[in-house]
């Protein structure tokens, strides 16, 4: 009964429009997914290149060392080591 009602109220141009809209939507999703998988290796290679050119240095700082601000900074001698 519901099928008969829908058959009378839906026009052929509406069905073609719905099909076209679904086709365009699926195409956008697939193109976006393909673009993501194509670009993903390039982005990971880019980050690997910059990782080797960075250095992390740290220094223990306590509340007592912060009273005299000169003790919390790195000296030129420590940076050269």
C-alpha atoms as a PDB file:
ATOM      1  CA  UNK A   1       0.000   0.000   0.000  1.00  0.00           C
ATOM      2  CA  UNK A   2       2.825   2.388   0.865  1.00  0.00           C
ATOM      3  CA  UNK A   3       4.580   1.497  -2.392  1.00  0.00           C
ATOM      4  CA  UNK A   4       1.464   2.392  -4.399  1.00  0.00           C
ATOM      5  CA  UNK A   5       1.227   5.760  -2.661  1.00  0.00           C
ATOM      6  CA  UNK A   6       4.877   6.529  -3.318  1.00  0.00           C
ATOM      7  CA  UNK A   7       4.552   5.423  -6.921  1.00  0.00           C
ATOM      8  CA  UNK A   8       1.769   7.953  -7.482  1.00  0.00           C
ATOM      9  CA  UNK A   9       3.456  10.905  -5.721  1.00  0.00           C
ATOM     10  CA  UNK A  10       7.042  10.547  -6.959  1.00  0.00           C
ATOM     11  CA  UNK A  11       7.795  12.007 -10.339  1.00  0.00           C
ATOM     12  CA  UNK A  12      10.464  10.454 -12.564  1.00  0.00           C
ATOM     13  CA  UNK A  13      12.493  13.672 -12.511  1.00  0.00           C
ATOM     14  CA  UNK A  14      12.639  13.496  -8.695  1.00  0.00           C
ATOM     15  CA  UNK A  15      14.030   9.956  -8.804  1.00  0.00           C
ATOM     16  CA  UNK A  16      16.621  10.999 -11.391  1.00  0.00           C
ATOM     17  CA  UNK A  17      17.525  14.006  -9.227  1.00  0.00           C
ATOM     18  CA  UNK A  18      17.924  11.825  -6.126  1.00  0.00           C
ATOM     19  CA  UNK A  19      20.090   9.360  -8.034  1.00  0.00           C
ATOM     20  CA  UNK A  20      22.259  12.155  -9.411  1.00  0.00           C
ATOM     21  CA  UNK A  21      22.662  13.694  -5.957  1.00  0.00           C
ATOM     22  CA  UNK A  22      23.673  10.359  -4.439  1.00  0.00           C
ATOM     23  CA  UNK A  23      26.153   9.805  -7.275  1.00  0.00           C
ATOM     24  CA  UNK A  24      27.747  13.237  -6.761  1.00  0.00           C
ATOM     25  CA  UNK A  25      27.935  12.711  -2.982  1.00  0.00           C
ATOM     26  CA  UNK A  26      29.590   9.308  -3.269  1.00  0.00           C
ATOM     27  CA  UNK A  27      32.014  10.683  -5.859  1.00  0.00           C
ATOM     28  CA  UNK A  28      33.042  13.503  -3.500  1.00  0.00           C
ATOM     29  CA  UNK A  29      33.597  11.038  -0.655  1.00  0.00           C
ATOM     30  CA  UNK A  30      35.678   8.670  -2.807  1.00  0.00           C
ATOM     31  CA  UNK A  31      37.799  11.483  -4.295  1.00  0.00           C
ATOM     32  CA  UNK A  32      38.438  12.870  -0.811  1.00  0.00           C
ATOM     33  CA  UNK A  33      39.456   9.443   0.518  1.00  0.00           C
ATOM     34  CA  UNK A  34      41.767   8.851  -2.461  1.00  0.00           C
ATOM     35  CA  UNK A  35      43.361  12.286  -2.017  1.00  0.00           C
ATOM     36  CA  UNK A  36      43.935  11.591   1.692  1.00  0.00           C
ATOM     37  CA  UNK A  37      45.636   8.243   1.029  1.00  0.00           C
ATOM     38  CA  UNK A  38      47.798   9.786  -1.722  1.00  0.00           C
ATOM     39  CA  UNK A  39      48.963  12.704   0.450  1.00  0.00           C
ATOM     40  CA  UNK A  40      49.480  10.764   3.708  1.00  0.00           C
ATOM     41  CA  UNK A  41      52.952   9.322   2.771  1.00  0.00           C
ATOM     42  CA  UNK A  42      54.191  12.728   1.646  1.00  0.00           C
ATOM     43  CA  UNK A  43      53.267  14.307   4.961  1.00  0.00           C
ATOM     44  CA  UNK A  44      54.959  11.573   6.981  1.00  0.00           C
ATOM     45  CA  UNK A  45      58.155  11.888   4.924  1.00  0.00           C
ATOM     46  CA  UNK A  46      58.136  15.633   5.494  1.00  0.00           C
ATOM     47  CA  UNK A  47      58.044  15.245   9.274  1.00  0.00           C
ATOM     48  CA  UNK A  48      60.780  12.607   9.245  1.00  0.00           C
ATOM     49  CA  UNK A  49      63.067  15.025   7.432  1.00  0.00           C
ATOM     50  CA  UNK A  50      62.723  17.714  10.077  1.00  0.00           C
ATOM     51  CA  UNK A  51      63.056  15.372  13.055  1.00  0.00           C
ATOM     52  CA  UNK A  52      66.752  14.794  12.388  1.00  0.00           C
ATOM     53  CA  UNK A  53      67.483  18.532  12.384  1.00  0.00           C
ATOM     54  CA  UNK A  54      66.163  19.295  15.845  1.00  0.00           C
ATOM     55  CA  UNK A  55      67.646  18.894  19.279  1.00  0.00           C
ATOM     56  CA  UNK A  56      65.984  18.823  22.660  1.00  0.00           C
ATOM     57  CA  UNK A  57      67.834  20.196  25.644  1.00  0.00           C
ATOM     58  CA  UNK A  58      66.540  20.386  29.155  1.00  0.00           C
ATOM     59  CA  UNK A  59      67.608  21.647  32.514  1.00  0.00           C
ATOM     60  CA  UNK A  60      66.361  20.875  35.998  1.00  0.00           C
ATOM     61  CA  UNK A  61      64.837  23.950  37.575  1.00  0.00           C
ATOM     62  CA  UNK A  62      63.549  24.151  41.109  1.00  0.00           C
ATOM     63  CA  UNK A  63      61.838  26.836  43.130  1.00  0.00           C
ATOM     64  CA  UNK A  64      65.119  27.743  44.835  1.00  0.00           C
ATOM     65  CA  UNK A  65      66.923  28.291  41.514  1.00  0.00           C
ATOM     66  CA  UNK A  66      64.248  30.669  40.257  1.00  0.00           C
ATOM     67  CA  UNK A  67      65.014  33.220  42.946  1.00  0.00           C
ATOM     68  CA  UNK A  68      68.206  34.082  41.071  1.00  0.00           C
ATOM     69  CA  UNK A  69      67.120  34.266  37.431  1.00  0.00           C
ATOM     70  CA  UNK A  70      70.644  33.802  36.068  1.00  0.00           C
ATOM     71  CA  UNK A  71      70.702  30.148  37.160  1.00  0.00           C
ATOM     72  CA  UNK A  72      67.694  29.138  35.052  1.00  0.00           C
ATOM     73  CA  UNK A  73      69.195  30.131  31.683  1.00  0.00           C
ATOM     74  CA  UNK A  74      71.757  28.183  29.684  1.00  0.00           C
ATOM     75  CA  UNK A  75      75.222  29.677  29.530  1.00  0.00           C
ATOM     76  CA  UNK A  76      77.238  29.774  26.296  1.00  0.00           C
ATOM     77  CA  UNK A  77      79.611  27.193  27.746  1.00  0.00           C
ATOM     78  CA  UNK A  78      76.781  24.729  28.418  1.00  0.00           C
ATOM     79  CA  UNK A  79      75.283  25.279  24.964  1.00  0.00           C
ATOM     80  CA  UNK A  80      78.581  24.514  23.227  1.00  0.00           C
ATOM     81  CA  UNK A  81      78.879  21.203  25.068  1.00  0.00           C
END
